[in-house]
Protein backbone atom coordinates (compact mmCIF):
# COMPACT_ATOMS: atom_id res chain seq x y z
CA MET A 1 109.25 142.71 97.73
CA ARG A 2 110.10 144.07 101.42
CA ARG A 3 106.38 144.24 102.02
CA TRP A 4 106.23 140.51 100.88
CA LEU A 5 109.20 139.59 103.24
CA ILE A 6 107.70 141.36 106.03
CA SER A 7 104.34 140.39 105.79
CA SER A 8 106.06 136.45 105.72
CA ALA A 9 107.77 137.11 108.84
CA THR A 10 105.23 139.00 110.49
CA ILE A 11 102.61 135.43 109.44
CA GLY A 12 105.24 132.91 110.00
CA ALA A 13 105.68 133.80 113.31
CA LEU A 14 102.11 133.94 113.62
CA ILE A 15 101.10 130.96 112.51
CA GLY A 16 104.68 129.28 113.74
CA ILE A 17 104.67 129.85 117.32
CA PRO A 18 101.12 128.66 118.31
CA ALA A 19 101.60 126.13 116.06
CA LEU A 20 104.31 124.53 117.48
CA ILE A 21 102.99 125.11 121.12
CA LEU A 22 99.36 123.32 120.04
CA GLN A 23 101.48 120.42 119.05
CA ARG A 24 103.85 120.26 121.85
CA TRP A 25 101.78 120.68 124.36
CA VAL A 26 98.53 120.45 123.99
CA ALA A 27 98.21 117.53 121.65
CA GLU A 28 98.61 114.35 123.41
CA THR A 29 98.01 112.11 120.15
CA ARG A 30 99.21 113.13 116.92
CA PHE A 31 95.98 113.13 115.02
CA ALA A 32 95.07 115.69 118.00
CA ALA A 33 98.08 118.04 116.81
CA ILE A 34 96.92 118.07 112.96
CA VAL A 35 93.28 118.96 113.99
CA LEU A 36 94.79 121.46 116.16
CA VAL A 37 97.29 122.80 113.43
CA LEU A 38 94.90 122.37 111.02
CA ALA A 39 92.23 124.79 112.66
CA TRP A 40 94.22 127.31 114.24
CA PHE A 41 95.99 128.03 110.09
CA ALA A 42 92.47 127.91 109.13
CA LEU A 43 91.31 130.30 111.72
CA VAL A 44 94.35 132.74 110.83
CA GLY A 45 93.31 132.63 106.94
CA ILE A 46 89.78 133.76 108.05
CA GLY A 47 91.17 136.62 110.49
CA LEU A 48 94.11 137.58 107.00
CA ALA A 49 91.25 137.57 105.13
CA ALA A 50 89.10 139.90 107.31
CA TYR A 51 91.95 142.09 107.55
CA VAL A 52 93.13 142.84 104.26
CA TRP A 53 88.92 142.66 102.88
CA GLN A 54 89.47 146.76 103.34
CA ARG A 55 92.83 146.91 102.45
CA PRO A 56 93.59 145.94 98.65
CA ALA A 57 97.04 146.70 98.54
CA LEU A 58 97.96 144.21 101.20
CA ARG A 59 95.95 141.45 100.30
CA ARG A 60 97.91 140.12 97.75
CA PRO A 61 101.91 140.61 99.29
CA VAL A 62 99.25 139.42 103.18
CA LEU A 63 97.79 136.35 101.00
CA GLY A 64 100.62 135.06 99.13
CA ALA A 65 102.50 134.61 102.30
CA PHE A 66 99.77 132.23 104.10
CA ALA A 67 99.23 131.02 101.03
CA ALA A 68 103.21 130.21 101.28
CA ILE A 69 103.54 129.64 104.60
CA LEU A 70 100.75 126.83 104.26
CA ALA A 71 102.24 125.19 100.91
CA GLY A 72 105.18 124.74 102.57
CA THR A 73 104.08 123.53 106.09
CA VAL A 74 102.06 120.94 104.46
CA ALA A 75 105.31 120.13 102.82
CA VAL A 76 107.23 119.43 105.27
CA GLY A 77 105.05 117.67 107.88
CA TYR A 78 104.06 114.93 105.13
CA ALA A 79 107.92 114.50 104.49
CA THR A 80 108.60 114.32 107.98
CA GLY A 81 105.58 112.98 109.94
CA PHE A 82 103.69 110.94 107.24
CA ARG A 83 106.49 109.28 105.10
CA ASP A 84 107.70 106.09 106.20
CA MET A 85 111.31 105.62 105.81
CA VAL A 86 111.71 101.41 105.59
CA VAL A 87 114.82 99.45 106.09
CA ASP A 88 115.44 95.85 106.18
CA GLU A 89 118.41 94.78 107.42
CA ASP A 90 120.02 91.37 108.23
CA VAL A 91 119.82 91.08 112.40
CA ALA A 92 121.29 88.92 114.54
CA MET A 93 119.36 86.00 115.53
CA ALA A 94 119.73 84.31 118.91
CA ALA A 95 119.92 80.44 118.39
CA MET A 96 120.10 79.75 122.37
CA ARG A 97 118.70 80.60 125.99
CA PRO A 98 122.28 81.50 127.59
CA SER A 99 122.54 80.04 130.78
CA ALA A 100 121.94 82.71 134.19
CA GLU A 101 125.39 83.27 133.95
CA ARG A 102 125.99 84.04 130.65
CA ARG A 103 122.78 86.24 131.23
CA ALA A 104 124.09 87.70 133.89
CA ARG A 105 127.82 88.36 132.12
CA GLY A 106 126.49 89.66 129.04
CA LEU A 107 123.66 92.09 130.55
CA SER A 108 126.16 93.77 132.78
CA GLY A 109 129.09 94.20 129.59
CA GLU A 110 131.76 92.62 132.10
CA GLY A 111 131.69 89.51 129.50
CA SER A 112 135.57 87.59 129.99
CA ALA A 113 138.06 86.40 127.67
CA GLU A 114 137.19 82.84 128.79
CA GLY A 115 133.67 82.76 128.57
CA ARG A 116 133.31 84.87 125.40
CA THR A 117 135.92 81.47 123.40
CA GLN A 118 133.38 79.52 125.19
CA ALA A 119 130.03 80.72 124.00
CA SER A 120 129.50 78.55 120.30
CA LYS A 121 125.68 80.46 119.59
CA PRO A 122 124.58 84.04 119.55
CA ALA A 123 121.83 84.52 123.23
CA GLU A 124 119.49 86.13 123.70
CA LEU A 125 119.96 88.25 126.92
CA ALA A 126 116.55 90.70 127.15
CA ARG A 127 113.88 91.21 124.88
CA GLY A 128 110.78 93.88 125.02
CA ARG A 129 108.07 94.90 123.14
CA PHE A 130 108.21 98.90 121.58
CA ALA A 131 104.53 101.08 122.81
CA GLY A 132 104.09 104.64 121.02
CA ALA A 133 104.35 107.13 123.45
CA ASP A 134 103.93 111.24 123.85
CA GLY A 135 100.89 110.74 121.60
CA HIS A 136 103.03 108.73 119.08
CA ALA A 137 101.91 104.61 118.22
CA GLY A 138 104.64 102.51 118.00
CA THR A 139 104.83 98.31 118.02
CA GLY A 140 107.67 95.60 117.75
CA VAL A 141 110.39 93.98 119.21
CA ALA A 142 113.65 95.23 120.91
CA THR A 143 115.84 92.28 121.56
CA VAL A 144 119.30 92.21 123.23
CA VAL A 145 121.61 89.38 121.20
CA GLU A 146 124.97 88.68 122.52
CA GLN A 147 127.08 87.31 119.48
CA PRO A 148 130.22 84.22 120.38
CA SER A 149 132.45 87.34 120.19
CA GLY A 150 130.74 88.92 123.04
CA GLU A 151 129.22 91.76 120.90
CA ARG A 152 126.14 92.39 122.01
CA LEU A 153 123.35 94.22 119.28
CA LEU A 154 119.87 95.24 119.62
CA THR A 155 117.64 94.70 117.31
CA PHE A 156 114.75 95.49 116.46
CA THR A 157 112.15 93.28 114.42
CA GLU A 158 108.28 93.45 113.46
CA PHE A 159 108.81 97.09 113.57
CA ASP A 160 106.71 99.84 113.21
CA VAL A 161 106.76 103.27 114.52
CA ASP A 162 105.50 107.01 113.51
CA PRO A 163 107.97 108.75 111.65
CA GLY A 164 109.60 111.87 112.66
CA VAL A 165 111.78 114.30 112.60
CA ASP A 166 116.00 113.55 113.49
CA VAL A 167 114.72 110.32 116.00
CA ASP A 168 117.91 109.07 117.81
CA VAL A 169 118.19 105.19 119.55
CA PHE A 170 118.75 105.76 123.01
CA LEU A 171 119.82 102.92 126.59
CA SER A 172 118.22 105.21 129.13
CA ALA A 173 117.46 103.73 132.67
CA ASP A 174 114.40 106.06 132.87
CA PRO A 175 111.69 105.44 130.72
CA GLY A 176 110.18 108.76 130.56
CA GLY A 177 113.46 110.48 129.08
CA ILE A 178 116.89 110.48 128.27
CA ASP A 179 118.88 111.99 131.24
CA ASP A 180 122.06 110.00 131.88
CA ALA A 181 121.25 107.52 128.33
CA VAL A 182 123.36 105.72 125.77
CA GLU A 183 122.47 107.24 122.19
CA LEU A 184 123.19 104.41 119.93
CA GLY A 185 122.87 106.73 116.86
CA ASP A 186 120.29 107.57 114.55
CA LEU A 187 117.30 105.68 113.99
CA LYS A 188 117.73 104.28 110.58
CA GLY A 189 114.14 103.49 109.62
CA ASN A 190 110.83 103.87 111.40
CA VAL A 191 109.76 100.46 109.41
CA GLY A 192 111.46 97.21 109.43
CA ASP A 193 114.51 94.94 110.84
CA GLN A 194 117.69 96.85 111.93
CA GLN A 195 120.30 96.77 114.37
CA TYR A 196 122.59 98.66 116.90
CA PRO A 197 125.62 97.67 118.27
CA VAL A 198 125.67 98.30 122.41
CA PRO A 199 128.85 99.87 123.66
CA GLU A 200 130.84 97.07 125.66
CA HIS A 201 130.06 99.46 128.80
CA VAL A 202 126.76 99.77 128.68
CA ASP A 203 125.51 98.18 131.70
CA LEU A 204 121.68 96.88 130.45
CA ARG A 205 120.70 95.84 134.16
CA GLU A 206 120.77 99.58 134.56
CA HIS A 207 120.00 100.79 131.27
CA SER A 208 116.74 98.76 130.30
CA ASN A 209 114.72 101.08 128.38
CA VAL A 210 115.23 101.31 124.68
CA ILE A 211 113.96 104.92 123.55
CA LEU A 212 113.13 106.33 120.35
CA TRP A 213 114.02 109.81 120.79
CA CYS A 214 112.67 113.44 118.81
CA ASN A 215 115.09 115.94 119.44
CA PRO A 216 113.73 118.52 117.52
CA PHE A 217 110.27 118.52 119.82
CA THR A 218 112.05 116.62 122.67
CA VAL A 219 109.38 113.84 122.93
CA ARG A 220 109.54 109.89 122.38
CA ILE A 221 108.73 108.04 120.04
CA ALA A 222 107.95 105.00 120.99
CA VAL A 223 109.76 102.90 124.24
CA ALA A 224 110.79 99.36 124.74
CA GLU A 225 111.50 98.09 128.08
CA LEU A 226 114.05 95.26 127.80
CA GLY A 227 113.28 92.29 130.29
CA VAL A 228 114.34 88.61 130.40
């Protein structure tokens, strides 16, 4: 048992660290990451088989640990990188194009009580299309809808992006990262209509980029630049 545990830890480190480097810093697309990681597994498997060929006592613990790690990696990779999470929320829909004054007030987050009571219909303040980022694919429309109450909602429609692990939704001033960004919460699903409340203090003239951010790998899944 002890030998098996030591073998598992050693093989896990041997496979895991280079695999992480290959998919995070070397591969430019998800497909390239899959190919590189599979090639690395094959190379390590061949090397381990050659190593234990003349060492019968090590064959079972070493090759058994390799097989277990390979099976676990495939299972986790499928669950986190290929299985879609589909949602279908009843999202807010804009019923009018706002005046320049209402749009400016709504984007800044400085709507007045008087302006809110005068508004009778939901209005579209900004819109942008998603594009995949950092080797991921993504499509969809991001829209900021201001309700008559003054509440602003960020909606995703026609939405379909690559699945990821622990993905959050951010509003950022920089399309390339989330420094000083505002978090809106966990991504509810990588496919389907959904919406997120925008905090009152957020100025959408500055934080005009929607970023879907994968926390474990510190990469962007998709980005939408909001415009009027």
